[in-house]
Protein backbone atom coordinates (compact mmCIF):
# COMPACT_ATOMS: atom_id res chain seq x y z
CA MET A 1 25.42 -1.59 -18.05
CA GLN A 2 27.70 -3.10 -15.29
CA LYS A 3 26.52 -3.53 -11.59
CA ILE A 4 27.76 -5.52 -8.81
CA LEU A 5 25.74 -7.94 -7.70
CA ASP A 6 25.30 -8.54 -3.82
CA SER A 7 27.31 -11.65 -4.38
CA GLY A 8 29.71 -9.69 -5.41
CA ALA A 9 30.04 -10.84 -8.77
CA VAL A 10 29.84 -8.48 -11.69
CA LEU A 11 27.25 -8.57 -14.05
CA GLU A 12 27.38 -6.52 -17.31
CA LEU A 13 24.52 -5.77 -20.29
CA SER A 14 24.41 -4.43 -23.07
CA MET A 15 21.17 -3.22 -24.26
CA ALA A 16 18.71 -5.65 -26.22
CA SER A 17 17.43 -5.32 -30.12
CA PHE A 18 14.54 -3.00 -30.19
CA ALA A 19 12.68 -5.99 -31.27
CA GLU A 20 14.12 -7.74 -28.36
CA GLY A 21 12.90 -5.03 -25.72
CA THR A 22 9.41 -4.53 -27.03
CA ARG A 23 9.18 -8.08 -27.47
CA LEU A 24 9.75 -8.14 -23.60
CA MET A 25 7.96 -4.92 -23.41
CA LYS A 26 4.94 -6.37 -24.33
CA ALA A 27 5.31 -9.76 -22.47
CA VAL A 28 5.39 -7.39 -19.25
CA ALA A 29 2.39 -5.11 -20.23
CA LYS A 30 0.42 -8.35 -20.97
CA GLU A 31 1.41 -10.31 -17.53
CA LEU A 32 0.48 -6.90 -15.80
CA LYS A 33 -2.45 -5.41 -17.74
CA ASN A 34 -5.28 -7.69 -15.26
CA THR A 35 -2.65 -7.04 -11.77
CA GLN A 36 -5.21 -5.01 -9.84
CA ILE A 37 -2.58 -2.50 -8.12
CA SER A 38 -4.08 -1.20 -4.31
CA LEU A 39 -0.91 0.46 -2.89
CA GLY A 40 -3.39 1.28 0.42
CA ALA A 41 -0.57 3.10 1.58
CA LYS A 42 -0.48 6.06 4.39
CA GLY A 43 0.62 9.48 3.54
CA ASP A 44 1.25 11.71 0.90
CA ILE A 45 2.20 9.97 -2.74
CA LYS A 46 5.08 12.58 -3.28
CA ASP A 47 6.88 10.67 -0.17
CA PHE A 48 6.23 7.49 -1.97
CA PHE A 49 9.46 6.01 -0.48
CA LYS A 50 8.27 7.02 3.18
CA MET A 51 4.69 5.55 3.28
CA GLU A 52 3.86 2.82 4.87
CA LEU A 53 2.98 -0.05 3.42
CA GLY A 54 -0.23 -2.05 4.54
CA ASP A 55 -1.17 -5.34 3.60
CA GLU A 56 -2.89 -4.15 0.76
CA ALA A 57 -0.07 -2.91 -0.81
CA MET A 58 2.27 -5.70 0.26
CA ASN A 59 -0.45 -8.12 -1.93
CA THR A 60 0.49 -5.73 -4.76
CA ILE A 61 4.15 -6.51 -4.82
CA LYS A 62 3.71 -9.52 -4.10
CA ASN A 63 1.26 -10.39 -6.98
CA ILE A 64 3.44 -8.27 -9.37
CA VAL A 65 6.83 -10.29 -8.71
CA THR A 66 5.60 -13.28 -8.54
CA GLY A 67 3.85 -12.59 -11.78
CA LEU A 68 6.64 -11.41 -13.93
CA ILE A 69 8.45 -14.24 -12.64
CA ALA A 70 5.98 -16.94 -13.47
CA SER A 71 5.33 -15.82 -16.98
CA GLU A 72 6.58 -18.07 -19.07
CA GLU A 73 6.70 -15.76 -21.81
CA ILE A 74 8.35 -13.01 -20.09
CA GLU A 75 11.21 -15.60 -19.41
CA ALA A 76 11.08 -16.94 -23.35
CA ALA A 77 11.56 -12.65 -24.08
CA LEU A 78 14.19 -12.08 -21.10
CA TRP A 79 16.97 -14.57 -21.96
CA PRO A 80 18.11 -13.22 -25.21
CA CYS A 81 18.11 -9.76 -23.74
CA MET A 82 20.76 -11.63 -20.74
CA GLU A 83 22.13 -13.71 -23.05
CA ARG A 84 24.05 -10.58 -24.31
CA GLY A 85 25.52 -10.16 -21.05
CA SER A 86 28.52 -11.62 -19.13
CA TYR A 87 28.92 -12.57 -15.75
CA THR A 88 32.17 -12.42 -13.58
CA VAL A 89 32.55 -14.34 -10.07
CA GLY A 90 36.59 -15.15 -9.08
CA GLY A 91 37.76 -13.00 -12.10
CA VAL A 92 36.39 -15.52 -14.46
CA MET A 93 34.33 -13.87 -16.68
CA ARG A 94 30.78 -16.50 -18.34
CA LYS A 95 28.65 -15.31 -21.04
CA ILE A 96 24.90 -15.67 -19.38
CA ASN A 97 23.14 -18.61 -20.19
CA ARG A 98 20.95 -21.24 -18.71
CA ASP A 99 23.97 -23.48 -17.87
CA LEU A 100 25.53 -20.74 -15.75
CA PHE A 101 23.26 -20.74 -13.33
CA GLU A 102 23.36 -24.74 -12.72
CA ASP A 103 25.82 -23.91 -10.47
CA GLU A 104 24.57 -23.10 -7.03
CA LYS A 105 26.44 -19.79 -6.13
CA ALA A 106 25.21 -18.67 -9.46
CA ARG A 107 21.48 -20.02 -9.16
CA ALA A 108 21.49 -17.37 -5.96
CA ASP A 109 21.93 -14.73 -8.53
CA TYR A 110 19.62 -15.39 -10.99
CA ILE A 111 16.39 -13.38 -9.66
CA PRO A 112 19.20 -10.65 -9.26
CA VAL A 113 20.45 -10.90 -13.24
CA LEU A 114 16.51 -11.10 -13.93
CA LYS A 115 15.57 -8.14 -12.32
CA GLU A 116 18.53 -6.03 -13.85
CA ALA A 117 17.94 -7.07 -17.18
CA LEU A 118 14.37 -6.42 -16.93
CA VAL A 119 14.94 -2.91 -15.59
CA TYR A 120 17.54 -1.99 -18.11
CA ASN A 121 15.88 -3.02 -21.01
CA LEU A 122 12.60 -1.45 -20.32
CA ALA A 123 13.82 1.74 -18.75
CA PRO A 124 14.08 3.67 -21.96
CA PHE A 125 10.73 2.63 -23.38
CA PHE A 126 9.39 4.58 -20.04
CA LYS A 127 11.59 7.61 -19.43
CA SER A 128 8.66 9.47 -21.59
CA LEU A 129 5.54 7.45 -20.39
CA GLY A 130 4.73 10.54 -17.80
CA SER A 131 4.53 12.79 -20.72
CA LEU A 132 1.05 10.44 -22.12
CA VAL A 133 -0.45 11.35 -18.17
CA LYS A 134 0.23 14.72 -18.18
CA GLY A 135 -2.25 15.96 -19.59
CA ILE A 136 -5.27 13.71 -18.59
CA PRO A 137 -6.34 15.98 -15.65
CA ALA A 138 -6.74 19.20 -17.73
CA ALA A 139 -8.27 17.06 -20.64
CA THR A 140 -10.91 15.46 -17.68
CA THR A 141 -11.60 18.84 -16.67
CA SER A 142 -12.21 20.28 -20.09
CA ILE A 143 -14.87 17.85 -21.05
CA GLN A 144 -16.65 18.25 -17.40
CA LYS A 145 -17.26 21.91 -18.57
């Protein structure tokens, strides 16, 4: 995966191993398990990205983002995923490691790099998540009969 960050740096990531990916997935699930999700949004859920976000939704987003950033377990699981990548700025490619972010300009890209590595490595696990919940309304209806 290759992405140009807002800073102009080019981020390249390779998919983590299955073991590294599942470790990351479990760390994220553990962190989010107790997060109360309340969108408190107005509008039709089908138009999610057009809905007005109220205080509840903004608080939920804040809790999710800060929980992910603050988690030592997620950080530990994410580093092996990030270290498979490279960061190129001004034509100079560097492997991603902790020393990279000692540079103040690169440090501004730390959270975007975290996010990209997180999404890239977790997305394959969640592609079929919808299939798990698809039958729930039908099963619930048949149980109530």
